[in-house]
PDB file of N, CA and C in Angstrom:
ATOM      1  N   MET A   1      -0.558  29.495  24.758  1.00  0.00           N
ATOM      2  CA  MET A   1      -0.834  30.384  23.653  1.00  0.00           C
ATOM      3  C   MET A   1      -1.026  29.557  22.380  1.00  0.00           C
ATOM      4  N   VAL A   2      -2.065  29.845  21.642  1.00  0.00           N
ATOM      5  CA  VAL A   2      -2.342  29.156  20.386  1.00  0.00           C
ATOM      6  C   VAL A   2      -1.589  29.883  19.278  1.00  0.00           C
ATOM      7  N   VAL A   3      -0.759  29.144  18.525  1.00  0.00           N
ATOM      8  CA  VAL A   3       0.032  29.764  17.461  1.00  0.00           C
ATOM      9  C   VAL A   3      -0.415  29.336  16.070  1.00  0.00           C
ATOM     10  N   ALA A   4      -1.235  28.278  15.988  1.00  0.00           N
ATOM     11  CA  ALA A   4      -1.750  27.813  14.702  1.00  0.00           C
ATOM     12  C   ALA A   4      -2.902  26.851  14.964  1.00  0.00           C
ATOM     13  N   ILE A   5      -3.737  26.686  13.952  1.00  0.00           N
ATOM     14  CA  ILE A   5      -4.826  25.719  13.991  1.00  0.00           C
ATOM     15  C   ILE A   5      -4.456  24.598  13.024  1.00  0.00           C
ATOM     16  N   ALA A   6      -4.560  23.364  13.471  1.00  0.00           N
ATOM     17  CA  ALA A   6      -4.270  22.212  12.604  1.00  0.00           C
ATOM     18  C   ALA A   6      -5.575  21.524  12.234  1.00  0.00           C
ATOM     19  N   ASP A   7      -5.727  21.201  10.949  1.00  0.00           N
ATOM     20  CA  ASP A   7      -6.913  20.443  10.563  1.00  0.00           C
ATOM     21  C   ASP A   7      -6.714  18.973  10.938  1.00  0.00           C
ATOM     22  N   THR A   8      -7.723  18.171  10.695  1.00  0.00           N
ATOM     23  CA  THR A   8      -7.693  16.772  11.126  1.00  0.00           C
ATOM     24  C   THR A   8      -6.542  15.999  10.491  1.00  0.00           C
ATOM     25  N   HIS A   9      -6.364  16.154   9.168  1.00  0.00           N
ATOM     26  CA  HIS A   9      -5.274  15.429   8.504  1.00  0.00           C
ATOM     27  C   HIS A   9      -3.928  15.787   9.128  1.00  0.00           C
ATOM     28  N   THR A  10      -3.681  17.064   9.270  1.00  0.00           N
ATOM     29  CA  THR A  10      -2.407  17.509   9.819  1.00  0.00           C
ATOM     30  C   THR A  10      -2.184  16.939  11.222  1.00  0.00           C
ATOM     31  N   THR A  11      -3.203  17.006  12.040  1.00  0.00           N
ATOM     32  CA  THR A  11      -3.099  16.519  13.416  1.00  0.00           C
ATOM     33  C   THR A  11      -2.763  15.033  13.460  1.00  0.00           C
ATOM     34  N   LEU A  12      -3.540  14.244  12.741  1.00  0.00           N
ATOM     35  CA  LEU A  12      -3.303  12.797  12.742  1.00  0.00           C
ATOM     36  C   LEU A  12      -1.965  12.439  12.123  1.00  0.00           C
ATOM     37  N   TRP A  13      -1.640  13.079  11.016  1.00  0.00           N
ATOM     38  CA  TRP A  13      -0.376  12.760  10.364  1.00  0.00           C
ATOM     39  C   TRP A  13       0.809  13.141  11.243  1.00  0.00           C
ATOM     40  N   TYR A  14       0.698  14.236  11.986  1.00  0.00           N
ATOM     41  CA  TYR A  14       1.778  14.604  12.896  1.00  0.00           C
ATOM     42  C   TYR A  14       1.892  13.577  14.028  1.00  0.00           C
ATOM     43  N   LEU A  15       0.775  13.239  14.644  1.00  0.00           N
ATOM     44  CA  LEU A  15       0.787  12.312  15.775  1.00  0.00           C
ATOM     45  C   LEU A  15       1.331  10.935  15.414  1.00  0.00           C
ATOM     46  N   PHE A  16       1.060  10.518  14.159  1.00  0.00           N
ATOM     47  CA  PHE A  16       1.487   9.184  13.738  1.00  0.00           C
ATOM     48  C   PHE A  16       2.700   9.212  12.808  1.00  0.00           C
ATOM     49  N   SER A  17       3.384  10.358  12.740  1.00  0.00           N
ATOM     50  CA  SER A  17       4.592  10.510  11.904  1.00  0.00           C
ATOM     51  C   SER A  17       4.356  10.038  10.481  1.00  0.00           C
ATOM     52  N   ASP A  18       3.219  10.394   9.932  1.00  0.00           N
ATOM     53  CA  ASP A  18       2.856   9.989   8.576  1.00  0.00           C
ATOM     54  C   ASP A  18       3.631  10.827   7.564  1.00  0.00           C
ATOM     55  N   PRO A  19       4.245  10.180   6.569  1.00  0.00           N
ATOM     56  CA  PRO A  19       5.036  10.924   5.576  1.00  0.00           C
ATOM     57  C   PRO A  19       4.203  11.853   4.691  1.00  0.00           C
ATOM     58  N   ARG A  20       2.884  11.741   4.730  1.00  0.00           N
ATOM     59  CA  ARG A  20       2.045  12.642   3.936  1.00  0.00           C
ATOM     60  C   ARG A  20       1.980  14.051   4.521  1.00  0.00           C
ATOM     61  N   LEU A  21       2.432  14.221   5.754  1.00  0.00           N
ATOM     62  CA  LEU A  21       2.432  15.543   6.369  1.00  0.00           C
ATOM     63  C   LEU A  21       3.372  16.458   5.602  1.00  0.00           C
ATOM     64  N   GLY A  22       2.896  17.633   5.268  1.00  0.00           N
ATOM     65  CA  GLY A  22       3.724  18.591   4.531  1.00  0.00           C
ATOM     66  C   GLY A  22       4.975  18.966   5.306  1.00  0.00           C
ATOM     67  N   ARG A  23       6.060  19.197   4.585  1.00  0.00           N
ATOM     68  CA  ARG A  23       7.329  19.542   5.232  1.00  0.00           C
ATOM     69  C   ARG A  23       7.225  20.839   6.023  1.00  0.00           C
ATOM     70  N   ALA A  24       6.534  21.826   5.458  1.00  0.00           N
ATOM     71  CA  ALA A  24       6.392  23.104   6.157  1.00  0.00           C
ATOM     72  C   ALA A  24       5.575  22.937   7.428  1.00  0.00           C
ATOM     73  N   ASP A  25       4.511  22.128   7.368  1.00  0.00           N
ATOM     74  CA  ASP A  25       3.708  21.876   8.566  1.00  0.00           C
ATOM     75  C   ASP A  25       4.539  21.188   9.640  1.00  0.00           C
ATOM     76  N   SER A  26       5.245  20.149   9.254  1.00  0.00           N
ATOM     77  CA  SER A  26       6.065  19.407  10.194  1.00  0.00           C
ATOM     78  C   SER A  26       7.116  20.309  10.833  1.00  0.00           C
ATOM     79  N   ALA A  27       7.782  21.107  10.024  1.00  0.00           N
ATOM     80  CA  ALA A  27       8.810  22.011  10.535  1.00  0.00           C
ATOM     81  C   ALA A  27       8.203  23.066  11.454  1.00  0.00           C
ATOM     82  N   PHE A  28       7.026  23.588  11.093  1.00  0.00           N
ATOM     83  CA  PHE A  28       6.361  24.589  11.923  1.00  0.00           C
ATOM     84  C   PHE A  28       6.021  24.012  13.293  1.00  0.00           C
ATOM     85  N   ILE A  29       5.426  22.820  13.297  1.00  0.00           N
ATOM     86  CA  ILE A  29       5.054  22.199  14.567  1.00  0.00           C
ATOM     87  C   ILE A  29       6.307  21.915  15.394  1.00  0.00           C
ATOM     88  N   ASP A  30       7.311  21.322  14.789  1.00  0.00           N
ATOM     89  CA  ASP A  30       8.535  20.999  15.517  1.00  0.00           C
ATOM     90  C   ASP A  30       9.199  22.252  16.095  1.00  0.00           C
ATOM     91  N   ALA A  31       9.153  23.356  15.362  1.00  0.00           N
ATOM     92  CA  ALA A  31       9.793  24.594  15.807  1.00  0.00           C
ATOM     93  C   ALA A  31       9.022  25.281  16.931  1.00  0.00           C
ATOM     94  N   THR A  32       7.735  25.041  17.030  1.00  0.00           N
ATOM     95  CA  THR A  32       6.928  25.735  18.036  1.00  0.00           C
ATOM     96  C   THR A  32       6.613  24.899  19.260  1.00  0.00           C
ATOM     97  N   VAL A  33       6.966  23.644  19.226  1.00  0.00           N
ATOM     98  CA  VAL A  33       6.635  22.754  20.341  1.00  0.00           C
ATOM     99  C   VAL A  33       7.699  22.875  21.437  1.00  0.00           C
ATOM    100  N   ALA A  34       7.265  23.353  22.614  1.00  0.00           N
ATOM    101  CA  ALA A  34       8.174  23.380  23.768  1.00  0.00           C
ATOM    102  C   ALA A  34       8.076  22.060  24.517  1.00  0.00           C
ATOM    103  N   ASP A  35       6.865  21.498  24.561  1.00  0.00           N
ATOM    104  CA  ASP A  35       6.618  20.239  25.237  1.00  0.00           C
ATOM    105  C   ASP A  35       5.842  19.344  24.274  1.00  0.00           C
ATOM    106  N   PRO A  36       6.468  18.300  23.706  1.00  0.00           N
ATOM    107  CA  PRO A  36       5.778  17.455  22.727  1.00  0.00           C
ATOM    108  C   PRO A  36       4.459  16.875  23.223  1.00  0.00           C
ATOM    109  N   LYS A  37       4.292  16.722  24.524  1.00  0.00           N
ATOM    110  CA  LYS A  37       3.043  16.196  25.057  1.00  0.00           C
ATOM    111  C   LYS A  37       1.930  17.245  25.057  1.00  0.00           C
ATOM    112  N   ALA A  38       2.297  18.506  24.881  1.00  0.00           N
ATOM    113  CA  ALA A  38       1.312  19.586  24.928  1.00  0.00           C
ATOM    114  C   ALA A  38       1.175  20.287  23.583  1.00  0.00           C
ATOM    115  N   VAL A  39       1.470  19.582  22.506  1.00  0.00           N
ATOM    116  CA  VAL A  39       1.424  20.207  21.188  1.00  0.00           C
ATOM    117  C   VAL A  39       0.006  20.533  20.751  1.00  0.00           C
ATOM    118  N   LEU A  40      -0.959  19.762  21.203  1.00  0.00           N
ATOM    119  CA  LEU A  40      -2.339  19.966  20.782  1.00  0.00           C
ATOM    120  C   LEU A  40      -3.182  20.501  21.938  1.00  0.00           C
ATOM    121  N   ARG A  41      -4.092  21.373  21.587  1.00  0.00           N
ATOM    122  CA  ARG A  41      -4.994  21.956  22.577  1.00  0.00           C
ATOM    123  C   ARG A  41      -6.384  21.984  21.997  1.00  0.00           C
ATOM    124  N   TYR A  42      -7.347  21.587  22.771  1.00  0.00           N
ATOM    125  CA  TYR A  42      -8.740  21.603  22.353  1.00  0.00           C
ATOM    126  C   TYR A  42      -9.262  23.037  22.397  1.00  0.00           C
ATOM    127  N   VAL A  43      -9.850  23.491  21.296  1.00  0.00           N
ATOM    128  CA  VAL A  43     -10.451  24.819  21.231  1.00  0.00           C
ATOM    129  C   VAL A  43     -11.929  24.617  20.909  1.00  0.00           C
ATOM    130  N   PRO A  44     -12.820  24.835  21.891  1.00  0.00           N
ATOM    131  CA  PRO A  44     -14.242  24.613  21.638  1.00  0.00           C
ATOM    132  C   PRO A  44     -14.822  25.668  20.705  1.00  0.00           C
ATOM    133  N   VAL A  45     -15.774  25.260  19.900  1.00  0.00           N
ATOM    134  CA  VAL A  45     -16.474  26.210  19.032  1.00  0.00           C
ATOM    135  C   VAL A  45     -17.411  27.022  19.916  1.00  0.00           C
ATOM    136  N   ASP A  46     -17.217  28.338  19.897  1.00  0.00           N
ATOM    137  CA  ASP A  46     -18.043  29.212  20.716  1.00  0.00           C
ATOM    138  C   ASP A  46     -18.695  30.287  19.846  1.00  0.00           C
ATOM    139  N   GLN A  47     -19.365  31.211  20.482  1.00  0.00           N
ATOM    140  CA  GLN A  47     -20.080  32.267  19.748  1.00  0.00           C
ATOM    141  C   GLN A  47     -19.136  33.115  18.907  1.00  0.00           C
ATOM    142  N   ASP A  48     -17.949  33.414  19.412  1.00  0.00           N
ATOM    143  CA  ASP A  48     -16.988  34.219  18.651  1.00  0.00           C
ATOM    144  C   ASP A  48     -16.568  33.521  17.366  1.00  0.00           C
ATOM    145  N   ILE A  49     -16.318  32.233  17.446  1.00  0.00           N
ATOM    146  CA  ILE A  49     -15.945  31.473  16.244  1.00  0.00           C
ATOM    147  C   ILE A  49     -17.126  31.436  15.277  1.00  0.00           C
ATOM    148  N   ALA A  50     -18.312  31.165  15.799  1.00  0.00           N
ATOM    149  CA  ALA A  50     -19.504  31.119  14.945  1.00  0.00           C
ATOM    150  C   ALA A  50     -19.720  32.458  14.247  1.00  0.00           C
ATOM    151  N   THR A  51     -19.533  33.546  14.945  1.00  0.00           N
ATOM    152  CA  THR A  51     -19.690  34.880  14.352  1.00  0.00           C
ATOM    153  C   THR A  51     -18.645  35.118  13.272  1.00  0.00           C
ATOM    154  N   ASN A  52     -17.422  34.655  13.498  1.00  0.00           N
ATOM    155  CA  ASN A  52     -16.339  34.837  12.523  1.00  0.00           C
ATOM    156  C   ASN A  52     -16.532  34.025  11.257  1.00  0.00           C
ATOM    157  N   MET A  53     -17.439  33.064  11.281  1.00  0.00           N
ATOM    158  CA  MET A  53     -17.691  32.283  10.069  1.00  0.00           C
ATOM    159  C   MET A  53     -18.190  33.173   8.939  1.00  0.00           C
ATOM    160  N   ALA A  54     -18.795  34.306   9.271  1.00  0.00           N
ATOM    161  CA  ALA A  54     -19.258  35.246   8.238  1.00  0.00           C
ATOM    162  C   ALA A  54     -18.092  35.842   7.453  1.00  0.00           C
ATOM    163  N   ALA A  55     -16.901  35.841   8.039  1.00  0.00           N
ATOM    164  CA  ALA A  55     -15.715  36.383   7.370  1.00  0.00           C
ATOM    165  C   ALA A  55     -15.114  35.400   6.369  1.00  0.00           C
ATOM    166  N   ILE A  56     -15.604  34.173   6.360  1.00  0.00           N
ATOM    167  CA  ILE A  56     -15.079  33.134   5.461  1.00  0.00           C
ATOM    168  C   ILE A  56     -16.144  32.850   4.410  1.00  0.00           C
ATOM    169  N   PRO A  57     -15.960  33.371   3.195  1.00  0.00           N
ATOM    170  CA  PRO A  57     -16.979  33.164   2.161  1.00  0.00           C
ATOM    171  C   PRO A  57     -17.226  31.681   1.880  1.00  0.00           C
ATOM    172  N   ARG A  58     -18.484  31.322   1.854  1.00  0.00           N
ATOM    173  CA  ARG A  58     -18.872  29.933   1.582  1.00  0.00           C
ATOM    174  C   ARG A  58     -18.372  29.495   0.207  1.00  0.00           C
ATOM    175  N   GLU A  59     -18.270  30.428  -0.723  1.00  0.00           N
ATOM    176  CA  GLU A  59     -17.771  30.089  -2.062  1.00  0.00           C
ATOM    177  C   GLU A  59     -16.297  29.688  -2.013  1.00  0.00           C
ATOM    178  N   ASP A  60     -15.552  30.271  -1.082  1.00  0.00           N
ATOM    179  CA  ASP A  60     -14.122  29.955  -0.954  1.00  0.00           C
ATOM    180  C   ASP A  60     -13.903  28.647  -0.194  1.00  0.00           C
ATOM    181  N   VAL A  61     -14.645  28.475   0.897  1.00  0.00           N
ATOM    182  CA  VAL A  61     -14.500  27.295   1.747  1.00  0.00           C
ATOM    183  C   VAL A  61     -15.898  26.739   2.005  1.00  0.00           C
ATOM    184  N   PRO A  62     -16.403  25.877   1.115  1.00  0.00           N
ATOM    185  CA  PRO A  62     -17.791  25.418   1.228  1.00  0.00           C
ATOM    186  C   PRO A  62     -18.064  24.382   2.314  1.00  0.00           C
ATOM    187  N   ASP A  63     -17.064  23.601   2.694  1.00  0.00           N
ATOM    188  CA  ASP A  63     -17.265  22.534   3.669  1.00  0.00           C
ATOM    189  C   ASP A  63     -17.371  23.123   5.078  1.00  0.00           C
ATOM    190  N   LEU A  64     -18.460  22.843   5.790  1.00  0.00           N
ATOM    191  CA  LEU A  64     -18.709  23.439   7.103  1.00  0.00           C
ATOM    192  C   LEU A  64     -17.573  23.217   8.104  1.00  0.00           C
ATOM    193  N   PRO A  65     -17.065  22.000   8.282  1.00  0.00           N
ATOM    194  CA  PRO A  65     -15.951  21.834   9.240  1.00  0.00           C
ATOM    195  C   PRO A  65     -14.728  22.678   8.865  1.00  0.00           C
ATOM    196  N   ASP A  66     -14.448  22.776   7.571  1.00  0.00           N
ATOM    197  CA  ASP A  66     -13.320  23.595   7.132  1.00  0.00           C
ATOM    198  C   ASP A  66     -13.575  25.075   7.397  1.00  0.00           C
ATOM    199  N   ARG A  67     -14.821  25.521   7.235  1.00  0.00           N
ATOM    200  CA  ARG A  67     -15.160  26.919   7.531  1.00  0.00           C
ATOM    201  C   ARG A  67     -15.010  27.213   9.021  1.00  0.00           C
ATOM    202  N   ILE A  68     -15.338  26.246   9.857  1.00  0.00           N
ATOM    203  CA  ILE A  68     -15.157  26.433  11.303  1.00  0.00           C
ATOM    204  C   ILE A  68     -13.672  26.577  11.633  1.00  0.00           C
ATOM    205  N   ILE A  69     -12.851  25.725  11.038  1.00  0.00           N
ATOM    206  CA  ILE A  69     -11.404  25.807  11.254  1.00  0.00           C
ATOM    207  C   ILE A  69     -10.873  27.149  10.747  1.00  0.00           C
ATOM    208  N   ALA A  70     -11.307  27.549   9.552  1.00  0.00           N
ATOM    209  CA  ALA A  70     -10.869  28.827   8.985  1.00  0.00           C
ATOM    210  C   ALA A  70     -11.329  30.002   9.849  1.00  0.00           C
ATOM    211  N   ALA A  71     -12.550  29.958  10.350  1.00  0.00           N
ATOM    212  CA  ALA A  71     -13.070  31.030  11.201  1.00  0.00           C
ATOM    213  C   ALA A  71     -12.281  31.119  12.509  1.00  0.00           C
ATOM    214  N   THR A  72     -11.874  29.975  13.029  1.00  0.00           N
ATOM    215  CA  THR A  72     -11.075  29.956  14.256  1.00  0.00           C
ATOM    216  C   THR A  72      -9.725  30.615  14.010  1.00  0.00           C
ATOM    217  N   ALA A  73      -9.094  30.262  12.911  1.00  0.00           N
ATOM    218  CA  ALA A  73      -7.810  30.875  12.566  1.00  0.00           C
ATOM    219  C   ALA A  73      -7.974  32.381  12.353  1.00  0.00           C
ATOM    220  N   HIS A  74      -9.033  32.767  11.667  1.00  0.00           N
ATOM    221  CA  HIS A  74      -9.304  34.183  11.418  1.00  0.00           C
ATOM    222  C   HIS A  74      -9.492  34.932  12.737  1.00  0.00           C
ATOM    223  N   LEU A  75     -10.261  34.353  13.645  1.00  0.00           N
ATOM    224  CA  LEU A  75     -10.530  34.983  14.943  1.00  0.00           C
ATOM    225  C   LEU A  75      -9.243  35.221  15.725  1.00  0.00           C
ATOM    226  N   TYR A  76      -8.381  34.223  15.776  1.00  0.00           N
ATOM    227  CA  TYR A  76      -7.149  34.332  16.548  1.00  0.00           C
ATOM    228  C   TYR A  76      -5.996  34.985  15.773  1.00  0.00           C
ATOM    229  N   GLY A  77      -6.195  35.218  14.465  1.00  0.00           N
ATOM    230  CA  GLY A  77      -5.147  35.825  13.652  1.00  0.00           C
ATOM    231  C   GLY A  77      -3.935  34.927  13.496  1.00  0.00           C
ATOM    232  N   ILE A  78      -4.195  33.627  13.353  1.00  0.00           N
ATOM    233  CA  ILE A  78      -3.113  32.646  13.249  1.00  0.00           C
ATOM    234  C   ILE A  78      -3.312  31.797  11.991  1.00  0.00           C
ATOM    235  N   PRO A  79      -2.258  31.125  11.509  1.00  0.00           N
ATOM    236  CA  PRO A  79      -2.393  30.307  10.298  1.00  0.00           C
ATOM    237  C   PRO A  79      -3.048  28.953  10.573  1.00  0.00           C
ATOM    238  N   ILE A  80      -3.508  28.348   9.479  1.00  0.00           N
ATOM    239  CA  ILE A  80      -4.034  26.983   9.517  1.00  0.00           C
ATOM    240  C   ILE A  80      -2.972  26.061   8.928  1.00  0.00           C
ATOM    241  N   LEU A  81      -2.730  24.958   9.584  1.00  0.00           N
ATOM    242  CA  LEU A  81      -1.845  23.926   9.042  1.00  0.00           C
ATOM    243  C   LEU A  81      -2.749  22.946   8.307  1.00  0.00           C
ATOM    244  N   THR A  82      -2.708  23.004   6.968  1.00  0.00           N
ATOM    245  CA  THR A  82      -3.625  22.190   6.173  1.00  0.00           C
ATOM    246  C   THR A  82      -3.098  21.952   4.767  1.00  0.00           C
ATOM    247  N   ARG A  83      -3.524  20.853   4.193  1.00  0.00           N
ATOM    248  CA  ARG A  83      -3.217  20.616   2.786  1.00  0.00           C
ATOM    249  C   ARG A  83      -4.432  20.914   1.914  1.00  0.00           C
ATOM    250  N   ASP A  84      -5.551  21.263   2.543  1.00  0.00           N
ATOM    251  CA  ASP A  84      -6.790  21.537   1.822  1.00  0.00           C
ATOM    252  C   ASP A  84      -6.608  22.714   0.862  1.00  0.00           C
ATOM    253  N   GLY A  85      -6.777  22.439  -0.414  1.00  0.00           N
ATOM    254  CA  GLY A  85      -6.577  23.453  -1.444  1.00  0.00           C
ATOM    255  C   GLY A  85      -7.552  24.611  -1.365  1.00  0.00           C
ATOM    256  N   ARG A  86      -8.794  24.342  -0.980  1.00  0.00           N
ATOM    257  CA  ARG A  86      -9.795  25.411  -0.874  1.00  0.00           C
ATOM    258  C   ARG A  86      -9.424  26.392   0.234  1.00  0.00           C
ATOM    259  N   ILE A  87      -8.994  25.855   1.360  1.00  0.00           N
ATOM    260  CA  ILE A  87      -8.580  26.733   2.459  1.00  0.00           C
ATOM    261  C   ILE A  87      -7.327  27.503   2.065  1.00  0.00           C
ATOM    262  N   ARG A  88      -6.359  26.811   1.462  1.00  0.00           N
ATOM    263  CA  ARG A  88      -5.095  27.471   1.101  1.00  0.00           C
ATOM    264  C   ARG A  88      -5.290  28.554   0.060  1.00  0.00           C
ATOM    265  N   SER A  89      -6.318  28.431  -0.785  1.00  0.00           N
ATOM    266  CA  SER A  89      -6.542  29.471  -1.795  1.00  0.00           C
ATOM    267  C   SER A  89      -7.491  30.563  -1.297  1.00  0.00           C
ATOM    268  N   SER A  90      -7.966  30.435  -0.063  1.00  0.00           N
ATOM    269  CA  SER A  90      -8.837  31.468   0.511  1.00  0.00           C
ATOM    270  C   SER A  90      -7.979  32.592   1.088  1.00  0.00           C
ATOM    271  N   THR A  91      -8.625  33.527   1.742  1.00  0.00           N
ATOM    272  CA  THR A  91      -7.917  34.666   2.326  1.00  0.00           C
ATOM    273  C   THR A  91      -7.261  34.338   3.666  1.00  0.00           C
ATOM    274  N   VAL A  92      -7.533  33.153   4.203  1.00  0.00           N
ATOM    275  CA  VAL A  92      -6.956  32.763   5.484  1.00  0.00           C
ATOM    276  C   VAL A  92      -5.524  32.291   5.262  1.00  0.00           C
ATOM    277  N   ARG A  93      -4.617  32.720   6.125  1.00  0.00           N
ATOM    278  CA  ARG A  93      -3.210  32.313   6.004  1.00  0.00           C
ATOM    279  C   ARG A  93      -3.080  30.837   6.321  1.00  0.00           C
ATOM    280  N   ALA A  94      -2.426  30.106   5.434  1.00  0.00           N
ATOM    281  CA  ALA A  94      -2.268  28.664   5.611  1.00  0.00           C
ATOM    282  C   ALA A  94      -0.820  28.258   5.401  1.00  0.00           C
ATOM    283  N   ILE A  95      -0.442  27.175   6.058  1.00  0.00           N
ATOM    284  CA  ILE A  95       0.903  26.612   5.929  1.00  0.00           C
ATOM    285  C   ILE A  95       0.742  25.178   5.461  1.00  0.00           C
ATOM    286  N   TRP A  96       1.510  24.791   4.471  1.00  0.00           N
ATOM    287  CA  TRP A  96       1.573  23.402   4.037  1.00  0.00           C
ATOM    288  C   TRP A  96       2.950  23.124   3.521  1.00  0.00           C
TER     289      TRP A  96
END
């Protein structure tokens, strides 16, 4: 079950125990991980995600990769783990 979407920074910082990872992100991941080896899951961009991109205003999240991440979170109704200010100030629920 997917419980959150992590952006690239969050993913790398978690994997490498980087101190730049937000405390809330780190705590969220640690609290939801049943198997540390299975913390990450590949989610391919499909038609449903592409269609959901219309729900993410380009003015709020202008960067295409960030809009894809936001659309994925919107589709699944889950938060994004990100420090990106544009995403965090959009309508998509974010944790940092």
